[in-house]
Amino acid sequence: MAPNVVLVTGVSRFVGGSLAARLTANPAVERIIGVDTVPPHRELLRRMGRTEFVRADIRNPLISKVITNSKVDTVVHVSMGDHSNSGNRSVLKEMNVLGTMQLLAACQKSPTVRRMVVKSTSAVYGASPRDPAMFTEDMGPKDLPFSGYARDAAEVEGYVRGFGRRRPDVDITILRFTNLIGPRIDTVLTRYFALPVIPTVLGYDARLQMLHAEDALEVLEKATVENIPGIYNVGGDGILMLSQAIRRAGRVAMPVPSLAISPVSSFFRSARLVDSSPEQVRFLNFGRVVDTTRLREQFGFTPGWTTRQAFDDFVRGRDLRPVVAPDHVAAVERGIAGAVARLR
């Protein structure tokens, strides 16, 4: 049964605002309430249609009044920010963890809330050389995330499970997304692959699994309008090696010895190009792949884009041109092949 009143957090950003826009097209949903600390930009607000925007901070206890007075029955929490957001780390952690705690406290008091959907991340599995080939939903990290967005997400999931024990009448869906990519979304990964010269760690070639942003929105919409509780890994089929992705984007890889990663990361952060946090560097060393069997068989969804297709759509949509012309690369390769042949 479709929900009557849906509250979506983080509607001033791409995922939250785009989800609200999708829900407005569903006549079975009576009201959509969008919450954020700042108003959406004009174009996003236009696409959100009949969504009722409420300027509110989920860290503030007043969020309880919004939920109670509007008789919200479904809460979709997508406002957790990662290191792609601007602002210092303490503010992000406060918004992610304390904001979620306050939101859960408000939901616990509300007699009308019956469903909760939480946008989480596969980063809760961490990234280490001891990782399995694929993480299933029942597995934990080999090395616990010690900082950053992954640590926040792990804490948030713990608080959500605690809320579920206190309110067993509320159906909870936790969606662990792999890295989102696409022409319309701005993330750490999209900015990383847009660099003309991409720093990598010498000797490593991470396995990357990505999810097209449109698939992510479709999964969130399905979880909101249908009752499918549980924890689900969400990612595109297949993988790309980091080196393959760099070549497909037409970028130039710059392998850096691990001892030099820290000053290189500091340079990119100071230049506001990308945020190469220790957590992100570990991911780009080892990568991460999740099993999506439960998503297909129990949740009933198969992504429309594979990892490779999603990445190629990002490259096309951003109009990323090769830094080095393909004919120049081919000429160099022919020259090397000729030199090798002469040596033989």
Protein backbone atom coordinates (compact mmCIF):
# COMPACT_ATOMS: atom_id res chain seq x y z
CA MET A 1 0.00 0.00 0.00
CA ALA A 2 1.40 3.41 -0.98
CA PRO A 3 2.17 5.83 1.86
CA ASN A 4 -0.07 8.83 2.52
CA VAL A 5 2.41 11.42 3.85
CA VAL A 6 6.12 11.09 3.04
CA LEU A 7 8.89 13.15 4.60
CA VAL A 8 12.18 13.30 2.65
CA THR A 9 15.33 14.75 4.23
CA GLY A 10 18.04 16.51 2.27
CA VAL A 11 15.81 17.74 -0.57
CA SER A 12 18.15 20.58 -1.49
CA ARG A 13 20.65 18.08 -2.88
CA PHE A 14 20.41 15.96 -5.99
CA VAL A 15 19.25 12.65 -4.51
CA GLY A 16 16.70 14.01 -2.05
CA GLY A 17 15.27 16.59 -4.44
CA SER A 18 15.11 14.19 -7.38
CA LEU A 19 13.39 11.56 -5.23
CA ALA A 20 10.79 14.11 -4.11
CA ALA A 21 10.23 15.03 -7.77
CA ARG A 22 9.59 11.38 -8.63
CA LEU A 23 7.16 10.95 -5.73
CA THR A 24 5.10 13.96 -6.83
CA ALA A 25 4.30 12.08 -10.05
CA ASN A 26 2.73 9.26 -8.02
CA PRO A 27 -0.95 10.12 -7.40
CA ALA A 28 -1.20 7.48 -4.69
CA VAL A 29 1.07 9.58 -2.44
CA GLU A 30 -1.08 12.32 -0.93
CA ARG A 31 1.63 14.63 0.44
CA ILE A 32 5.40 14.95 0.10
CA ILE A 33 7.23 17.09 2.65
CA GLY A 34 10.83 18.02 1.85
CA VAL A 35 13.15 19.07 4.65
CA ASP A 36 16.57 20.73 4.49
CA THR A 37 18.56 23.51 6.10
CA VAL A 38 18.67 25.56 2.87
CA PRO A 39 16.10 25.94 0.06
CA PRO A 40 16.58 23.94 -3.16
CA HIS A 41 17.85 25.87 -6.15
CA ARG A 42 15.18 27.19 -8.51
CA GLU A 43 15.31 24.43 -11.12
CA LEU A 44 15.20 21.65 -8.52
CA LEU A 45 12.35 23.37 -6.70
CA ARG A 46 10.42 23.57 -9.98
CA ARG A 47 10.92 19.84 -10.62
CA MET A 48 9.76 19.02 -7.08
CA GLY A 49 6.29 20.23 -8.04
CA ARG A 50 3.77 19.78 -5.24
CA THR A 51 6.45 18.92 -2.66
CA GLU A 52 5.99 21.10 0.43
CA PHE A 53 9.40 22.46 1.39
CA VAL A 54 10.06 23.03 5.09
CA ARG A 55 13.26 24.77 6.07
CA ALA A 56 14.30 22.80 9.12
CA ASP A 57 17.41 21.25 10.65
CA ILE A 58 17.01 17.60 11.62
CA ARG A 59 19.46 18.24 14.48
CA ASN A 60 16.84 20.47 16.05
CA PRO A 61 14.07 18.89 18.20
CA LEU A 62 11.57 20.98 16.19
CA ILE A 63 11.72 18.27 13.52
CA SER A 64 9.43 16.31 15.85
CA LYS A 65 6.71 18.95 15.38
CA VAL A 66 7.00 18.70 11.60
CA ILE A 67 6.52 14.92 11.73
CA THR A 68 3.72 15.00 14.31
CA ASN A 69 1.72 17.94 12.93
CA SER A 70 1.86 16.60 9.37
CA LYS A 71 0.95 13.04 10.45
CA VAL A 72 3.92 11.64 8.51
CA ASP A 73 3.70 7.87 8.02
CA THR A 74 6.86 7.33 5.92
CA VAL A 75 10.29 8.88 6.51
CA VAL A 76 12.99 8.70 3.83
CA HIS A 77 16.36 9.70 5.26
CA VAL A 78 18.77 10.53 2.43
CA SER A 79 20.52 13.60 3.85
CA MET A 80 23.61 11.87 5.21
CA GLY A 81 26.54 13.80 3.69
CA ASP A 82 29.89 12.31 2.71
CA HIS A 83 33.29 13.95 2.31
CA SER A 84 32.22 15.38 -1.04
CA ASN A 85 30.34 18.06 0.84
CA SER A 86 31.97 21.30 1.78
CA GLY A 87 32.48 22.11 5.41
CA ASN A 88 34.70 20.78 8.16
CA ARG A 89 34.59 17.22 9.37
CA SER A 90 33.04 17.97 12.78
CA VAL A 91 30.05 19.72 11.20
CA LEU A 92 29.49 16.81 8.80
CA LYS A 93 29.65 14.28 11.62
CA GLU A 94 27.22 16.33 13.68
CA MET A 95 24.77 16.46 10.78
CA ASN A 96 25.16 12.78 9.94
CA VAL A 97 25.11 11.18 13.37
CA LEU A 98 23.45 13.68 15.72
CA GLY A 99 20.96 14.67 13.03
CA THR A 100 19.97 11.05 12.52
CA MET A 101 19.63 10.50 16.26
CA GLN A 102 17.31 13.49 16.56
CA LEU A 103 15.27 12.31 13.56
CA LEU A 104 14.92 8.83 15.06
CA ALA A 105 13.85 10.32 18.40
CA ALA A 106 11.14 12.29 16.59
CA CYS A 107 9.98 9.17 14.74
CA GLN A 108 9.90 7.16 17.96
CA LYS A 109 7.48 9.67 19.51
CA SER A 110 5.20 9.78 16.49
CA PRO A 111 2.27 7.34 16.52
CA THR A 112 1.75 7.75 12.77
CA VAL A 113 5.21 6.72 11.47
CA ARG A 114 5.00 3.21 10.04
CA ARG A 115 7.84 3.03 7.53
CA MET A 116 11.44 4.28 7.33
CA VAL A 117 13.86 4.15 4.39
CA VAL A 118 17.53 4.94 5.05
CA LYS A 119 20.08 5.68 2.34
CA SER A 120 23.30 4.12 3.59
CA THR A 121 26.52 3.13 1.84
CA SER A 122 28.59 0.05 1.07
CA ALA A 123 31.46 1.96 2.71
CA VAL A 124 30.29 0.40 6.00
CA TYR A 125 32.16 -2.73 4.84
CA GLY A 126 35.43 -0.79 4.84
CA ALA A 127 38.26 -1.45 2.39
CA SER A 128 41.23 -3.67 3.13
CA PRO A 129 43.49 -6.27 1.48
CA ARG A 130 41.64 -8.97 3.47
CA ASP A 131 38.23 -8.23 1.94
CA PRO A 132 36.24 -11.05 0.32
CA ALA A 133 35.57 -11.06 -3.41
CA MET A 134 32.05 -9.77 -2.64
CA PHE A 135 30.37 -8.57 0.54
CA THR A 136 26.93 -9.93 1.35
CA GLU A 137 24.56 -8.07 3.66
CA ASP A 138 25.33 -10.46 6.52
CA MET A 139 29.08 -9.75 6.47
CA GLY A 140 30.90 -7.17 8.53
CA PRO A 141 34.05 -5.21 7.68
CA LYS A 142 37.44 -6.91 7.94
CA ASP A 143 38.83 -3.63 9.25
CA LEU A 144 36.36 -1.36 11.02
CA PRO A 145 36.03 2.08 9.43
CA PHE A 146 37.94 4.37 11.77
CA SER A 147 36.93 7.76 10.43
CA GLY A 148 34.96 9.70 7.87
CA TYR A 149 31.70 8.97 6.15
CA ALA A 150 32.06 5.18 6.54
CA ARG A 151 32.31 5.52 10.31
CA ASP A 152 29.29 7.86 10.35
CA ALA A 153 27.26 5.41 8.25
CA ALA A 154 28.15 2.49 10.51
CA GLU A 155 27.04 4.47 13.57
CA VAL A 156 23.85 5.59 11.87
CA GLU A 157 22.94 2.01 10.92
CA GLY A 158 23.48 1.01 14.56
CA TYR A 159 21.11 3.72 15.77
CA VAL A 160 18.53 2.73 13.15
CA ARG A 161 18.65 -0.91 14.28
CA GLY A 162 18.18 0.28 17.87
CA PHE A 163 15.17 2.31 16.78
CA GLY A 164 13.78 -0.81 15.09
CA ARG A 165 14.00 -2.74 18.37
CA ARG A 166 12.16 0.04 20.22
CA ARG A 167 9.53 0.42 17.49
CA PRO A 168 9.00 -3.07 16.01
CA ASP A 169 5.82 -1.77 14.37
CA VAL A 170 7.89 0.39 11.99
CA ASP A 171 9.15 -1.32 8.82
CA ILE A 172 12.76 -0.31 8.11
CA THR A 173 14.61 -0.55 4.80
CA ILE A 174 18.37 0.14 4.73
CA LEU A 175 19.92 0.57 1.29
CA ARG A 176 23.70 0.22 1.06
CA PHE A 177 24.60 1.98 -2.17
CA THR A 178 27.88 1.54 -3.96
CA ASN A 179 29.47 4.72 -5.36
CA LEU A 180 26.91 6.74 -7.32
CA ILE A 181 27.91 8.02 -10.72
CA GLY A 182 26.20 9.69 -13.65
CA PRO A 183 26.14 12.89 -15.67
CA ARG A 184 23.84 14.76 -13.26
CA ILE A 185 25.38 13.95 -9.88
CA ASP A 186 28.40 15.54 -8.20
CA THR A 187 30.40 13.28 -5.88
CA VAL A 188 33.98 12.66 -4.80
CA LEU A 189 34.27 9.98 -7.48
CA THR A 190 32.91 12.12 -10.35
CA ARG A 191 35.31 14.95 -9.46
CA TYR A 192 38.18 12.49 -9.19
CA PHE A 193 37.62 11.11 -12.69
CA ALA A 194 37.17 14.62 -14.10
CA LEU A 195 40.75 15.54 -13.18
CA PRO A 196 43.01 15.65 -16.25
CA VAL A 197 45.78 13.86 -14.36
CA ILE A 198 44.55 11.32 -11.80
CA PRO A 199 46.78 10.36 -8.87
CA THR A 200 46.81 6.64 -8.04
CA VAL A 201 48.78 4.61 -5.53
CA LEU A 202 51.73 2.88 -7.13
CA GLY A 203 51.26 -0.90 -7.18
CA TYR A 204 47.49 -0.91 -6.60
CA ASP A 205 44.57 -1.27 -9.00
CA ALA A 206 41.24 -1.18 -7.16
CA ARG A 207 38.10 -3.04 -8.21
CA LEU A 208 35.30 -0.51 -8.57
CA GLN A 209 31.57 -1.21 -8.54
CA MET A 210 29.33 1.73 -9.36
CA LEU A 211 25.63 2.53 -9.45
CA HIS A 212 23.99 4.91 -11.90
CA ALA A 213 22.26 7.75 -10.06
CA GLU A 214 19.00 7.05 -11.93
CA ASP A 215 19.02 3.45 -10.69
CA ALA A 216 19.60 4.75 -7.15
CA LEU A 217 16.55 7.01 -7.44
CA GLU A 218 14.43 4.15 -8.77
CA VAL A 219 15.44 1.93 -5.84
CA LEU A 220 14.65 4.69 -3.34
CA GLU A 221 11.26 5.31 -4.93
CA LYS A 222 10.41 1.60 -4.90
CA ALA A 223 11.44 1.29 -1.24
CA THR A 224 9.28 4.31 -0.38
CA VAL A 225 6.03 3.31 -2.12
CA GLU A 226 6.29 -0.43 -1.47
CA ASN A 227 6.79 -2.20 1.84
CA ILE A 228 10.09 -4.11 1.46
CA PRO A 229 11.87 -4.06 4.84
CA GLY A 230 15.41 -5.37 5.21
CA ILE A 231 19.03 -4.50 4.39
CA TYR A 232 20.01 -4.50 0.72
CA ASN A 233 23.26 -3.99 -1.16
CA VAL A 234 22.61 -1.84 -4.22
CA GLY A 235 25.14 -1.75 -7.05
CA GLY A 236 25.47 -2.20 -10.78
CA ASP A 237 26.48 -5.55 -12.24
CA GLY A 238 30.15 -6.10 -13.01
CA ILE A 239 33.24 -4.15 -12.05
CA LEU A 240 35.83 -1.83 -13.54
CA MET A 241 39.45 -1.80 -12.50
CA LEU A 242 40.64 1.68 -11.57
CA SER A 243 43.13 1.65 -14.43
CA GLN A 244 40.36 0.73 -16.90
CA ALA A 245 38.12 3.52 -15.65
CA ILE A 246 40.91 6.08 -16.05
CA ARG A 247 41.52 4.98 -19.63
CA ARG A 248 37.79 5.00 -20.48
CA ALA A 249 37.56 8.56 -19.15
CA GLY A 250 40.51 9.59 -21.33
CA ARG A 251 42.49 10.68 -18.29
CA VAL A 252 46.18 10.25 -17.52
CA ALA A 253 47.12 8.18 -14.47
CA MET A 254 49.85 9.49 -12.17
CA PRO A 255 51.08 6.59 -10.00
CA VAL A 256 52.40 7.95 -6.71
CA PRO A 257 54.43 5.98 -4.13
CA SER A 258 52.40 5.38 -0.99
CA LEU A 259 54.79 7.56 1.07
CA ALA A 260 53.98 10.52 -1.18
CA ILE A 261 50.19 10.12 -1.05
CA SER A 262 49.75 12.40 1.97
CA PRO A 263 51.34 15.54 0.45
CA VAL A 264 49.64 14.89 -2.90
CA SER A 265 46.26 14.53 -1.15
CA SER A 266 46.90 17.76 0.77
CA PHE A 267 47.58 19.57 -2.50
CA PHE A 268 44.31 18.41 -4.09
CA ARG A 269 42.35 19.31 -0.95
CA SER A 270 43.91 22.76 -0.72
CA ALA A 271 43.12 23.35 -4.39
CA ARG A 272 39.50 22.27 -3.70
CA LEU A 273 39.70 19.70 -6.49
CA VAL A 274 38.85 16.53 -4.59
CA ASP A 275 38.88 15.45 -0.96
CA SER A 276 41.38 12.59 -0.77
CA SER A 277 40.64 11.49 2.79
CA PRO A 278 42.42 8.41 4.24
CA GLU A 279 39.15 6.53 3.86
CA GLN A 280 38.95 7.43 0.16
CA VAL A 281 42.60 6.53 -0.42
CA ARG A 282 42.04 3.07 1.08
CA PHE A 283 39.06 2.60 -1.21
CA LEU A 284 41.15 3.57 -4.24
CA ASN A 285 43.82 1.10 -3.10
CA PHE A 286 41.64 -1.96 -2.60
CA GLY A 287 38.20 -1.14 -3.99
CA ARG A 288 35.01 -2.84 -2.83
CA VAL A 289 32.43 -5.13 -4.47
CA VAL A 290 29.07 -6.19 -3.02
CA ASP A 291 26.74 -9.07 -3.78
CA THR A 292 23.33 -7.91 -5.05
CA THR A 293 21.50 -11.26 -5.08
CA ARG A 294 19.15 -10.14 -2.31
CA LEU A 295 18.37 -6.94 -4.22
CA ARG A 296 17.25 -8.91 -7.28
CA GLU A 297 15.51 -11.83 -5.58
CA GLN A 298 13.90 -10.28 -2.48
CA PHE A 299 13.68 -6.58 -3.26
CA GLY A 300 12.74 -7.25 -6.88
CA PHE A 301 15.04 -4.83 -8.65
CA THR A 302 17.77 -5.23 -11.26
CA PRO A 303 19.78 -2.07 -12.11
CA GLY A 304 19.28 -0.83 -15.65
CA TRP A 305 22.95 0.12 -16.01
CA THR A 306 25.94 -2.13 -15.38
CA THR A 307 28.98 -0.59 -13.71
CA ARG A 308 30.63 -0.12 -17.09
CA GLN A 309 27.53 1.37 -18.72
CA ALA A 310 26.99 3.76 -15.81
CA PHE A 311 30.59 4.95 -16.00
CA ASP A 312 30.43 5.40 -19.78
CA ASP A 313 27.21 7.42 -19.41
CA PHE A 314 29.01 9.68 -16.93
CA VAL A 315 31.89 10.17 -19.39
CA ARG A 316 29.51 10.97 -22.26
CA GLY A 317 27.25 13.19 -20.17
CA ARG A 318 30.15 15.24 -18.83
CA ASP A 319 31.71 15.37 -22.29
CA LEU A 320 35.09 14.29 -20.97
CA ARG A 321 37.57 14.57 -23.81
CA PRO A 322 40.80 12.54 -23.82
CA VAL A 323 43.68 14.49 -22.32
CA VAL A 324 45.98 12.86 -24.86
CA ALA A 325 44.56 12.37 -28.36
CA PRO A 326 43.92 8.68 -29.20
CA ASP A 327 45.97 8.89 -32.40
CA HIS A 328 48.96 10.09 -30.37
CA VAL A 329 48.54 7.18 -27.98
CA ALA A 330 48.27 4.77 -30.91
CA ALA A 331 51.44 6.24 -32.48
CA VAL A 332 53.37 5.80 -29.23
CA GLU A 333 52.11 2.24 -28.85
CA ARG A 334 53.20 1.47 -32.44
CA GLY A 335 56.60 2.96 -31.76
CA ILE A 336 57.05 0.87 -28.62
CA ALA A 337 55.89 -2.27 -30.43
CA GLY A 338 58.36 -1.56 -33.24
CA ALA A 339 61.21 -1.05 -30.81
CA VAL A 340 60.41 -4.30 -29.02
CA ALA A 341 60.27 -6.14 -32.36
CA ARG A 342 63.68 -4.77 -33.36
CA LEU A 343 65.19 -5.82 -30.04
CA ARG A 344 63.88 -9.34 -30.59
